Amino acid sequence: MKDLEIPTDSSNWTIMSDKQKGLIDAVDMLLPHCEHRFCVYSNFKVAHKGLSLKMILWKAAKATRIVDFEKTLCELRDRDKEAFKWLVKRPAAQWSRAYFRTHSKCDILLNNLCESFNATLVAARSKPIVDMLETIRMMLMKRIYVKRDQMKKHKGILCPNIQKMMEELKKKSMEYIAHWNGHDQFEIEGCYGDRHTVNLTEQTCSCRKWQLTGIPCAHAISGMFFMGYKPEDYVDECYKKAVFLKVYSHLMMPLHGPEKWPQSKRKPLLPPIIERMPGRPKKQDRKKTPQELEEIKQISKKMKVEVTNCGQKLGKLGRQGLIMTCRICGVAGHNSRSCPQNPKNQQQEQNVEVPPAEKNRKGKRKVAARQTKQEQNVERGKRKTDARNQQQVNKSTRLTRSTAAFKHAMIRSTIMSYHQVANNNDGLPQFLTVLEHVHLGLTSAYVQSLVGFF
C-alpha cells in the first residue's frame, strides 16, 4: 500500500482477487472503504455442479439491474434450493454487476488480468531473486515502448478495442427508437417492448451499463443519433488514445552490469536449504524441437505409438500384432509362465501341498527351483541330441536308397546292352571289360554270374 501510495481512507480503488482464506478480512481491515470483488464461480462449481446451474449463476452475475438479479435468483431457487441458499449467503456486492460501484468504470467478473500477468512471470519465478527482478525489469522496459509505438500508429481518438466495441454498439442501437423529452433525456423503446431512460448530461442509463463501464450503451447511442451527436465524444477519458500514451510515456532507464552495483557491507545471502518435498517429483521433460516432433509423428503413424509433447498427442500404440511364443513348447499364444507343460503349473493342477517347513525356508525353495531348472535343461539337451541323431539317420537312409537305385539303373542298362552283343561271341570280352570299368563296386565274379545268368 505504501509503494502504491494508496491511502487507507480512499474509496476510489477496486480490488479484484480470488476468495482465499484471510483476503476478505485483510482488505476490510486495511482498506475498509475500497470495493472488493471476487469470482464466485470458482467456489460455486465445487459444491454445485451442472451446466444449468452454471448458466443461471452467470446470468445473475452479469445482470446490471437489481430487478434482473432478483428475477434470476428466483429462477435458481426453483431449480435448486441448496444452491440458492449457498449463493444468498455471499454478499452480492462482491460478485454481481447489479451491486457494483460505478466509479471504477470496470465491470470485470474474473481476475484474468492478474492471471495473464502471472503467466508472463513463469520463466522469471524460477530464478534467484535478483535475476528474477532483472528479468521482470527487462520485460517491462520492452513492453512499454512496444505498446507506445503501436498506439502511435493507430488512427482515431479511442483505443483499437474500444473502437471495435463502439462499432458493434452502433449497429445494435438501430434496434431501438428514441423518444426525446425536449431537453437532454430520452425514453428508448426496444423492438420487444422493453423501455429504458437515458440522460445525456449525466451520462446515465437505466440499464446501468454506461455507468459501470464508461462506454455508452446501445440505448444511449440511439439518443445520440437522434440528436446528431458523435458517440465517441461520450466515452470516458480512460479509454482514449491520449490517456494511453500518457500512461506509457514513463520509460524505464537502462542499468549497468552487476559489477558496478553498490556493494553491501553485510554477508552475502545463502540459498535456502533444499528439502525433499512429499509426493512424486515433477517430470523434467525437455520440450522437443519441431524436427523431433515431425520424426516422432512419422514413426508413430507406422507403429501406432502414443507420443505427447506438452499435451500434444501424436499417435497411439495398440496391442494388435504382438504375439507371444512359449519357449518351452514353442506354441504361439502364451508364454512359459502359463504353459501347460510347465512343471510348476502341473504341480498346481495336481494340488500338491508343500509342507509348512518347506514354505518357510527360502534356501530349500531356491535349491528345488535350481534342481528343477537343471532337470529341464538336461531334458531339453536330450531332446536336441535325439533330434540331431534322427536327422543323421534320415540322411544316411536317403543316401543309401539313392545309391541302390543308381546301381539298379546301371545294371539294367548294362543287361540291355548285353542283349545287343549276345549273338556275337567276339563282342563278349569287350562287354565284360565295360562292366569291370563301371564304378559300381561290382566284382568280376559277380559280373561272370550275371553273364552266365543271361
Protein backbone atom coordinates (compact mmCIF):
# COMPACT_ATOMS: atom_id res chain seq x y z
CA MET A 1 0.00 0.00 0.00
CA LYS A 2 2.85 2.38 0.75
CA ASP A 3 4.55 1.59 -2.57
CA LEU A 4 1.30 2.20 -4.47
CA GLU A 5 0.54 5.27 -2.34
CA ILE A 6 -2.99 4.10 -1.55
CA PRO A 7 -4.49 5.98 1.41
CA THR A 8 -6.41 3.81 3.85
CA ASP A 9 -9.48 6.06 3.71
CA SER A 10 -9.70 6.10 -0.10
CA SER A 11 -12.85 4.81 -1.81
CA ASN A 12 -11.65 5.20 -5.40
CA TRP A 13 -9.98 1.81 -5.59
CA THR A 14 -11.38 -1.60 -6.60
CA ILE A 15 -9.55 -4.79 -5.62
CA MET A 16 -10.13 -8.00 -7.61
CA SER A 17 -8.89 -11.30 -6.13
CA ASP A 18 -9.80 -14.92 -5.60
CA LYS A 19 -11.51 -15.96 -2.40
CA GLN A 20 -8.54 -17.23 -0.41
CA LYS A 21 -8.53 -17.51 3.35
CA GLY A 22 -7.95 -14.19 5.07
CA LEU A 23 -8.13 -11.98 1.95
CA ILE A 24 -11.59 -10.61 2.67
CA ASP A 25 -10.78 -9.84 6.31
CA ALA A 26 -7.42 -8.28 5.36
CA VAL A 27 -8.99 -5.97 2.77
CA ASP A 28 -11.75 -4.96 5.18
CA MET A 29 -9.16 -4.13 7.82
CA LEU A 30 -6.59 -2.25 5.69
CA LEU A 31 -8.87 -0.71 3.04
CA PRO A 32 -12.32 -0.54 4.58
CA HIS A 33 -13.70 1.93 2.02
CA CYS A 34 -12.44 0.15 -1.14
CA GLU A 35 -14.59 -2.10 -3.28
CA HIS A 36 -13.56 -5.76 -3.12
CA ARG A 37 -14.67 -8.23 -5.81
CA PHE A 38 -14.01 -11.91 -6.31
CA CYS A 39 -15.08 -14.64 -8.71
CA VAL A 40 -17.85 -16.66 -7.12
CA TYR A 41 -17.99 -19.35 -9.81
CA SER A 42 -14.68 -20.97 -8.78
CA ASN A 43 -16.23 -21.76 -5.38
CA PHE A 44 -19.77 -22.37 -6.64
CA LYS A 45 -18.82 -25.14 -9.08
CA VAL A 46 -17.16 -27.18 -6.31
CA ALA A 47 -20.37 -27.54 -4.31
CA HIS A 48 -22.95 -27.33 -7.11
CA LYS A 49 -22.15 -28.81 -10.49
CA GLY A 50 -24.18 -28.80 -13.67
CA LEU A 51 -24.50 -26.75 -16.84
CA SER A 52 -27.94 -25.37 -15.98
CA LEU A 53 -26.78 -24.05 -12.60
CA LYS A 54 -23.70 -22.57 -14.23
CA MET A 55 -25.80 -20.65 -16.77
CA ILE A 56 -28.11 -19.30 -14.07
CA LEU A 57 -25.17 -18.20 -11.91
CA TRP A 58 -23.50 -16.28 -14.74
CA LYS A 59 -26.84 -14.73 -15.65
CA ALA A 60 -27.15 -13.40 -12.10
CA ALA A 61 -23.53 -12.21 -12.07
CA LYS A 62 -23.86 -10.37 -15.40
CA ALA A 63 -27.19 -8.74 -14.54
CA THR A 64 -26.70 -4.96 -14.34
CA ARG A 65 -30.09 -4.17 -12.78
CA ILE A 66 -31.32 -5.29 -9.37
CA VAL A 67 -34.66 -6.32 -10.90
CA ASP A 68 -32.97 -8.74 -13.30
CA PHE A 69 -30.73 -10.02 -10.49
CA GLU A 70 -33.64 -10.86 -8.20
CA LYS A 71 -35.56 -12.48 -11.05
CA THR A 72 -32.59 -14.74 -11.77
CA LEU A 73 -32.30 -15.71 -8.10
CA CYS A 74 -35.95 -16.77 -8.12
CA GLU A 75 -35.21 -18.95 -11.11
CA LEU A 76 -32.28 -20.50 -9.24
CA ARG A 77 -34.46 -21.13 -6.18
CA ASP A 78 -36.98 -23.03 -8.28
CA ARG A 79 -34.20 -25.09 -9.86
CA ASP A 80 -32.05 -25.93 -6.81
CA LYS A 81 -32.83 -24.69 -3.29
CA GLU A 82 -29.46 -25.73 -1.86
CA ALA A 83 -27.58 -23.74 -4.50
CA PHE A 84 -29.88 -20.78 -3.83
CA LYS A 85 -29.14 -20.88 -0.08
CA TRP A 86 -25.41 -21.15 -0.75
CA LEU A 87 -25.44 -18.14 -3.10
CA VAL A 88 -27.59 -15.91 -0.90
CA LYS A 89 -25.06 -16.18 1.93
CA ARG A 90 -22.43 -14.46 -0.28
CA PRO A 91 -22.62 -10.64 -0.49
CA ALA A 92 -23.93 -9.74 -3.95
CA ALA A 93 -21.80 -6.58 -4.00
CA GLN A 94 -18.71 -8.78 -4.35
CA TRP A 95 -19.74 -10.82 -7.39
CA SER A 96 -22.76 -9.29 -9.23
CA ARG A 97 -22.73 -6.25 -11.53
CA ALA A 98 -26.12 -5.20 -10.20
CA TYR A 99 -24.44 -4.06 -6.97
CA PHE A 100 -21.04 -2.93 -8.30
CA ARG A 101 -19.95 0.65 -7.76
CA THR A 102 -19.69 2.86 -10.82
CA HIS A 103 -16.56 4.89 -10.04
CA SER A 104 -14.03 2.35 -11.37
CA LYS A 105 -15.53 2.21 -14.90
CA CYS A 106 -14.80 -1.51 -15.00
CA ASP A 107 -17.30 -4.38 -14.82
CA ILE A 108 -14.97 -7.39 -14.90
CA LEU A 109 -16.10 -10.50 -13.01
CA LEU A 110 -12.87 -12.51 -13.25
CA ASN A 111 -9.28 -11.87 -12.23
CA ASN A 112 -7.97 -12.82 -15.66
CA LEU A 113 -5.81 -9.69 -15.75
CA CYS A 114 -3.84 -10.96 -12.76
CA GLU A 115 -3.59 -14.46 -14.22
CA SER A 116 -2.38 -13.07 -17.56
CA PHE A 117 0.37 -11.07 -15.87
CA ASN A 118 1.25 -14.07 -13.70
CA ALA A 119 1.64 -16.24 -16.81
CA THR A 120 4.32 -13.90 -18.16
CA LEU A 121 6.34 -14.37 -14.97
CA VAL A 122 6.58 -18.17 -15.16
CA ALA A 123 10.12 -18.12 -16.57
CA ALA A 124 11.27 -15.43 -14.13
CA ARG A 125 9.88 -17.01 -10.95
CA SER A 126 12.22 -19.99 -11.15
CA LYS A 127 15.31 -17.74 -10.99
CA PRO A 128 17.04 -16.25 -7.93
CA ILE A 129 15.60 -13.03 -6.52
CA VAL A 130 18.00 -10.60 -8.22
CA ASP A 131 17.81 -12.39 -11.57
CA MET A 132 14.03 -12.57 -11.29
CA LEU A 133 13.75 -8.81 -10.75
CA GLU A 134 16.13 -8.13 -13.63
CA THR A 135 14.08 -10.36 -15.94
CA ILE A 136 10.86 -8.55 -15.00
CA ARG A 137 12.53 -5.15 -15.44
CA MET A 138 13.76 -6.01 -18.94
CA MET A 139 10.35 -7.39 -19.86
CA LEU A 140 8.58 -4.22 -18.71
CA MET A 141 11.11 -1.95 -20.39
CA LYS A 142 10.43 -3.66 -23.71
CA ARG A 143 6.66 -3.76 -23.19
CA ILE A 144 6.41 -0.01 -22.54
CA TYR A 145 7.96 1.14 -25.79
CA VAL A 146 6.30 -1.61 -27.85
CA LYS A 147 2.82 -0.63 -26.63
CA ARG A 148 3.61 3.07 -27.05
CA ASP A 149 4.78 2.66 -30.65
CA GLN A 150 1.76 0.50 -31.53
CA MET A 151 -0.64 3.12 -30.20
CA LYS A 152 1.11 5.92 -32.08
CA LYS A 153 0.40 4.12 -35.36
CA HIS A 154 -3.32 3.87 -34.55
CA LYS A 155 -5.58 6.49 -36.10
CA GLY A 156 -8.51 7.64 -34.00
CA ILE A 157 -9.29 9.16 -30.63
CA LEU A 158 -10.21 5.83 -28.98
CA CYS A 159 -8.12 2.74 -28.34
CA PRO A 160 -8.49 0.00 -31.01
CA ASN A 161 -10.52 -2.49 -28.92
CA ILE A 162 -12.85 0.23 -27.63
CA GLN A 163 -13.39 1.48 -31.18
CA LYS A 164 -14.41 -2.03 -32.29
CA MET A 165 -16.81 -2.25 -29.37
CA MET A 166 -18.35 1.10 -30.31
CA GLU A 167 -18.95 -0.06 -33.87
CA GLU A 168 -20.87 -3.09 -32.59
CA LEU A 169 -22.95 -0.92 -30.26
CA LYS A 170 -23.78 1.45 -33.11
CA LYS A 171 -25.22 -1.45 -35.10
CA LYS A 172 -27.22 -2.65 -32.11
CA SER A 173 -28.64 0.86 -31.50
CA MET A 174 -30.61 0.54 -34.74
CA GLU A 175 -32.97 -1.83 -32.90
CA TYR A 176 -34.25 0.97 -30.62
CA ILE A 177 -36.46 4.03 -31.10
CA ALA A 178 -35.59 7.23 -29.18
CA HIS A 179 -38.35 9.48 -27.79
CA TRP A 180 -36.97 12.90 -26.81
CA ASN A 181 -38.41 14.86 -23.87
CA GLY A 182 -37.26 18.21 -25.29
CA HIS A 183 -34.16 18.67 -23.13
CA ASP A 184 -31.44 16.05 -22.55
CA GLN A 185 -33.43 12.94 -21.64
CA PHE A 186 -34.82 10.16 -23.81
CA GLU A 187 -37.16 7.24 -23.48
CA ILE A 188 -35.70 4.39 -25.52
CA GLU A 189 -38.17 1.79 -26.80
CA GLY A 190 -36.97 -1.62 -27.93
CA CYS A 191 -38.45 -3.88 -30.59
CA TYR A 192 -39.57 -6.36 -27.90
CA GLY A 193 -41.36 -3.76 -25.76
CA ASP A 194 -38.54 -3.05 -23.28
CA ARG A 195 -38.03 0.60 -22.29
CA HIS A 196 -35.08 2.49 -20.79
CA THR A 197 -34.44 6.11 -19.82
CA VAL A 198 -31.24 7.92 -20.85
CA ASN A 199 -29.77 11.21 -19.58
CA LEU A 200 -27.02 12.52 -21.85
CA THR A 201 -25.97 15.30 -19.48
CA GLU A 202 -25.43 12.99 -16.50
CA GLN A 203 -24.28 10.17 -18.80
CA THR A 204 -26.61 7.61 -17.25
CA CYS A 205 -28.94 4.88 -18.48
CA SER A 206 -31.44 2.80 -16.56
CA CYS A 207 -29.65 -0.38 -17.68
CA ARG A 208 -26.52 0.82 -15.73
CA LYS A 209 -24.10 -0.41 -18.41
CA TRP A 210 -22.98 3.13 -19.25
CA GLN A 211 -22.28 3.90 -15.58
CA LEU A 212 -20.41 0.64 -14.98
CA THR A 213 -18.10 0.73 -18.00
CA GLY A 214 -17.89 4.37 -19.03
CA ILE A 215 -18.83 3.32 -22.58
CA PRO A 216 -22.23 4.44 -23.93
CA CYS A 217 -24.69 1.58 -24.25
CA ALA A 218 -26.88 0.96 -27.30
CA HIS A 219 -29.78 2.85 -25.68
CA ALA A 220 -27.65 5.97 -25.17
CA ILE A 221 -26.20 5.79 -28.68
CA SER A 222 -29.74 5.68 -30.07
CA GLY A 223 -30.46 9.00 -28.33
CA MET A 224 -27.17 10.46 -29.55
CA PHE A 225 -28.01 9.60 -33.13
CA PHE A 226 -31.41 11.25 -32.66
CA MET A 227 -29.67 14.49 -31.62
CA GLY A 228 -26.90 14.13 -34.22
CA TYR A 229 -24.17 13.76 -31.62
CA LYS A 230 -20.97 11.76 -32.06
CA PRO A 231 -20.94 8.75 -29.64
CA GLU A 232 -17.12 8.74 -29.35
CA ASP A 233 -17.30 12.09 -27.53
CA TYR A 234 -19.23 10.49 -24.65
CA VAL A 235 -16.71 7.70 -23.98
CA ASP A 236 -14.82 8.02 -20.69
CA GLU A 237 -11.36 9.61 -20.81
CA CYS A 238 -9.59 6.42 -19.64
CA TYR A 239 -10.35 4.72 -22.99
CA LYS A 240 -8.88 7.42 -25.21
CA LYS A 241 -5.61 7.30 -27.11
CA ALA A 242 -4.16 10.39 -25.42
CA VAL A 243 -4.52 8.85 -21.95
CA PHE A 244 -2.97 5.59 -23.13
CA LEU A 245 0.10 7.40 -24.48
CA LYS A 246 0.34 9.38 -21.25
CA VAL A 247 0.42 6.17 -19.21
CA TYR A 248 3.19 4.68 -21.39
CA SER A 249 5.21 7.89 -21.58
CA HIS A 250 7.27 6.98 -18.49
CA LEU A 251 10.16 4.90 -19.82
CA MET A 252 12.45 2.70 -17.76
CA MET A 253 16.09 3.68 -17.70
CA PRO A 254 18.83 1.13 -18.53
CA LEU A 255 21.19 -0.06 -15.78
CA HIS A 256 24.85 -1.00 -15.55
CA GLY A 257 26.05 -4.54 -15.01
CA PRO A 258 26.26 -6.14 -11.54
CA GLU A 259 29.96 -5.28 -11.26
CA LYS A 260 29.04 -1.56 -10.94
CA TRP A 261 26.26 -2.01 -8.42
CA PRO A 262 26.81 -0.67 -4.87
CA GLN A 263 28.35 -3.31 -2.64
CA SER A 264 26.69 -4.17 0.65
CA LYS A 265 28.78 -4.46 3.81
CA ARG A 266 26.72 -7.38 5.04
CA LYS A 267 27.43 -11.02 4.36
CA PRO A 268 26.02 -12.40 1.11
CA LEU A 269 22.77 -14.27 1.33
CA LEU A 270 22.98 -18.04 1.06
CA PRO A 271 20.41 -20.10 -0.83
CA PRO A 272 17.82 -21.88 1.31
CA ILE A 273 18.37 -25.46 2.37
CA ILE A 274 16.80 -27.81 -0.13
CA GLU A 275 14.46 -30.33 1.45
CA ARG A 276 12.81 -33.25 -0.23
CA MET A 277 9.12 -32.47 -0.50
CA PRO A 278 6.46 -35.17 -0.08
CA GLY A 279 4.93 -36.64 -3.20
CA ARG A 280 6.23 -37.71 -6.55
CA PRO A 281 8.81 -35.37 -8.15
CA LYS A 282 7.73 -33.49 -11.24
CA LYS A 283 8.84 -34.90 -14.57
CA GLN A 284 11.63 -32.82 -16.09
CA ASP A 285 10.75 -33.48 -19.70
CA ARG A 286 12.59 -31.42 -22.27
CA LYS A 287 10.41 -29.74 -24.86
CA LYS A 288 11.05 -31.35 -28.23
CA THR A 289 12.08 -29.39 -31.31
CA PRO A 290 9.81 -29.25 -34.40
CA GLN A 291 12.18 -31.61 -36.27
CA GLU A 292 11.99 -34.18 -33.47
CA LEU A 293 8.22 -33.88 -33.31
CA GLU A 294 7.95 -34.48 -37.06
CA GLU A 295 10.17 -37.58 -36.85
CA ILE A 296 8.18 -38.98 -33.93
CA LYS A 297 4.95 -38.28 -35.79
CA GLN A 298 6.14 -40.23 -38.84
CA ILE A 299 7.23 -43.17 -36.67
CA SER A 300 4.00 -43.13 -34.68
CA LYS A 301 1.95 -43.48 -37.88
CA LYS A 302 3.68 -46.80 -38.59
CA MET A 303 3.92 -48.14 -35.04
CA LYS A 304 0.78 -46.51 -33.59
CA VAL A 305 2.82 -45.23 -30.66
CA GLU A 306 1.25 -42.63 -28.37
CA VAL A 307 3.70 -39.74 -28.02
CA THR A 308 2.92 -36.47 -26.21
CA ASN A 309 4.77 -33.18 -26.06
CA CYS A 310 3.26 -30.60 -23.67
CA GLY A 311 -0.18 -32.15 -24.14
CA GLN A 312 0.09 -32.70 -27.93
CA LYS A 313 -0.89 -36.28 -28.91
CA LEU A 314 0.96 -37.69 -31.91
CA GLY A 315 -0.26 -41.28 -32.11
CA LYS A 316 -1.44 -44.37 -30.28
CA LEU A 317 0.05 -47.78 -29.55
CA GLY A 318 -2.20 -50.79 -29.85
CA ARG A 319 -1.65 -54.42 -28.76
CA GLN A 320 -2.57 -55.77 -32.16
CA GLY A 321 0.33 -57.65 -33.76
CA LEU A 322 2.12 -58.54 -30.51
CA ILE A 323 2.15 -62.37 -30.48
CA MET A 324 3.94 -64.23 -27.68
CA THR A 325 5.66 -67.58 -28.25
CA CYS A 326 6.32 -70.06 -25.46
CA ARG A 327 9.98 -71.07 -25.06
CA ILE A 328 9.04 -74.46 -23.55
CA CYS A 329 6.62 -75.91 -26.08
CA GLY A 330 7.17 -73.44 -28.93
CA VAL A 331 3.44 -72.78 -29.40
CA ALA A 332 2.28 -69.20 -30.07
CA GLY A 333 -0.36 -67.56 -27.93
CA HIS A 334 1.09 -67.92 -24.43
CA ASN A 335 4.38 -67.67 -22.55
CA SER A 336 6.33 -70.08 -20.38
CA ARG A 337 4.61 -68.92 -17.20
CA SER A 338 1.17 -70.05 -18.39
CA CYS A 339 2.41 -73.06 -20.41
CA PRO A 340 0.60 -76.35 -19.63
CA GLN A 341 3.93 -78.22 -19.84
CA ASN A 342 5.49 -76.06 -17.13
CA PRO A 343 6.21 -78.29 -14.10
CA LYS A 344 5.05 -75.56 -11.74
CA ASN A 345 1.65 -75.40 -13.42
CA GLN A 346 1.36 -79.18 -13.37
CA GLN A 347 2.16 -79.18 -9.68
CA GLN A 348 -0.56 -76.60 -9.03
CA GLU A 349 -3.09 -78.60 -11.06
CA GLN A 350 -2.36 -81.72 -9.03
CA ASN A 351 -2.83 -79.67 -5.82
CA VAL A 352 0.44 -80.90 -4.38
CA GLU A 353 0.71 -79.40 -0.92
CA VAL A 354 4.11 -78.25 0.22
CA PRO A 355 4.90 -78.89 3.90
CA PRO A 356 4.97 -75.76 6.12
CA ALA A 357 8.65 -76.26 6.83
CA GLU A 358 9.39 -76.10 3.11
CA LYS A 359 7.39 -72.88 2.73
CA ASN A 360 9.27 -71.07 5.45
CA ARG A 361 12.73 -71.90 4.13
CA LYS A 362 13.89 -69.82 1.23
CA GLY A 363 17.06 -71.85 0.80
CA LYS A 364 15.24 -75.09 0.11
CA ARG A 365 12.91 -73.40 -2.33
CA LYS A 366 15.88 -71.94 -4.21
CA VAL A 367 17.60 -75.35 -4.30
CA ALA A 368 14.43 -77.03 -5.53
CA ALA A 369 13.97 -74.38 -8.20
CA ARG A 370 17.60 -74.75 -9.26
CA GLN A 371 17.28 -78.55 -9.48
CA THR A 372 14.08 -78.22 -11.48
CA LYS A 373 15.78 -75.84 -13.87
CA GLN A 374 18.76 -78.20 -14.23
CA GLU A 375 16.42 -81.11 -14.95
CA GLN A 376 14.66 -79.03 -17.57
CA ASN A 377 17.99 -78.13 -19.18
CA VAL A 378 19.07 -81.80 -19.21
CA GLU A 379 15.75 -82.85 -20.70
CA ARG A 380 16.00 -80.09 -23.29
CA GLY A 381 19.56 -81.24 -24.16
CA LYS A 382 18.41 -84.83 -24.58
CA ARG A 383 15.62 -83.77 -26.91
CA LYS A 384 18.07 -81.76 -29.01
CA THR A 385 20.54 -84.71 -29.17
CA ASP A 386 17.81 -87.18 -30.16
CA ALA A 387 16.60 -84.82 -32.85
CA ARG A 388 20.14 -84.39 -34.20
CA ASN A 389 20.74 -88.19 -34.28
CA GLN A 390 17.42 -88.77 -36.01
CA GLN A 391 18.38 -86.21 -38.68
CA GLN A 392 21.67 -88.06 -39.32
CA VAL A 393 19.87 -91.43 -39.58
CA ASN A 394 17.35 -89.99 -42.03
CA LYS A 395 20.18 -88.52 -44.11
CA SER A 396 22.05 -91.86 -44.25
CA THR A 397 18.88 -93.72 -45.19
CA ARG A 398 18.16 -91.30 -48.04
CA LEU A 399 21.78 -91.66 -49.30
CA THR A 400 21.64 -95.48 -49.20
CA ARG A 401 18.36 -95.56 -51.07
CA SER A 402 19.63 -93.21 -53.78
CA THR A 403 22.84 -95.28 -54.22
CA ALA A 404 20.92 -98.57 -54.56
CA ALA A 405 18.58 -97.02 -57.11
CA PHE A 406 21.54 -95.78 -59.13
CA LYS A 407 23.17 -99.23 -59.10
CA HIS A 408 19.95 -100.88 -60.18
CA ALA A 409 19.59 -98.46 -63.11
CA MET A 410 23.15 -99.06 -64.27
CA ILE A 411 22.79 -102.83 -64.09
CA ARG A 412 19.57 -102.64 -66.06
CA SER A 413 21.19 -100.57 -68.82
CA THR A 414 24.17 -102.95 -68.87
CA ILE A 415 21.95 -106.00 -69.30
CA MET A 416 20.16 -104.34 -72.16
CA SER A 417 23.50 -103.69 -73.84
CA TYR A 418 24.43 -107.36 -73.40
CA HIS A 419 21.43 -108.46 -75.46
CA GLN A 420 22.77 -106.42 -78.34
CA VAL A 421 26.10 -108.28 -78.40
CA ALA A 422 24.84 -111.71 -77.29
CA ASN A 423 24.85 -113.09 -80.84
CA ASN A 424 28.42 -112.01 -81.43
CA ASN A 425 30.96 -114.07 -79.42
CA ASP A 426 33.72 -111.67 -80.36
CA GLY A 427 31.93 -108.84 -78.57
CA LEU A 428 31.58 -110.67 -75.24
CA PRO A 429 35.12 -109.93 -73.92
CA GLN A 430 34.62 -106.28 -74.83
CA PHE A 431 31.33 -106.24 -72.90
CA LEU A 432 32.98 -107.79 -69.84
CA THR A 433 35.66 -105.12 -69.94
CA VAL A 434 32.98 -102.42 -69.93
CA LEU A 435 31.36 -103.98 -66.87
CA GLU A 436 34.65 -104.10 -64.99
CA HIS A 437 35.30 -100.39 -65.65
CA VAL A 438 31.85 -99.29 -64.43
CA HIS A 439 32.25 -97.67 -60.98
CA LEU A 440 29.59 -99.71 -59.26
CA GLY A 441 31.81 -101.61 -56.88
CA LEU A 442 30.97 -104.91 -58.72
CA THR A 443 33.46 -107.77 -58.55
CA SER A 444 34.48 -109.91 -61.57
CA ALA A 445 32.75 -112.95 -60.06
CA TYR A 446 29.53 -111.00 -59.76
CA VAL A 447 29.82 -109.92 -63.39
CA GLN A 448 30.52 -113.52 -64.55
CA SER A 449 27.43 -114.68 -62.67
CA LEU A 450 25.37 -112.03 -64.41
CA VAL A 451 26.70 -113.14 -67.81
CA GLY A 452 26.02 -116.77 -67.02
CA PHE A 453 22.53 -115.87 -65.87
CA PHE A 454 21.72 -114.20 -69.13
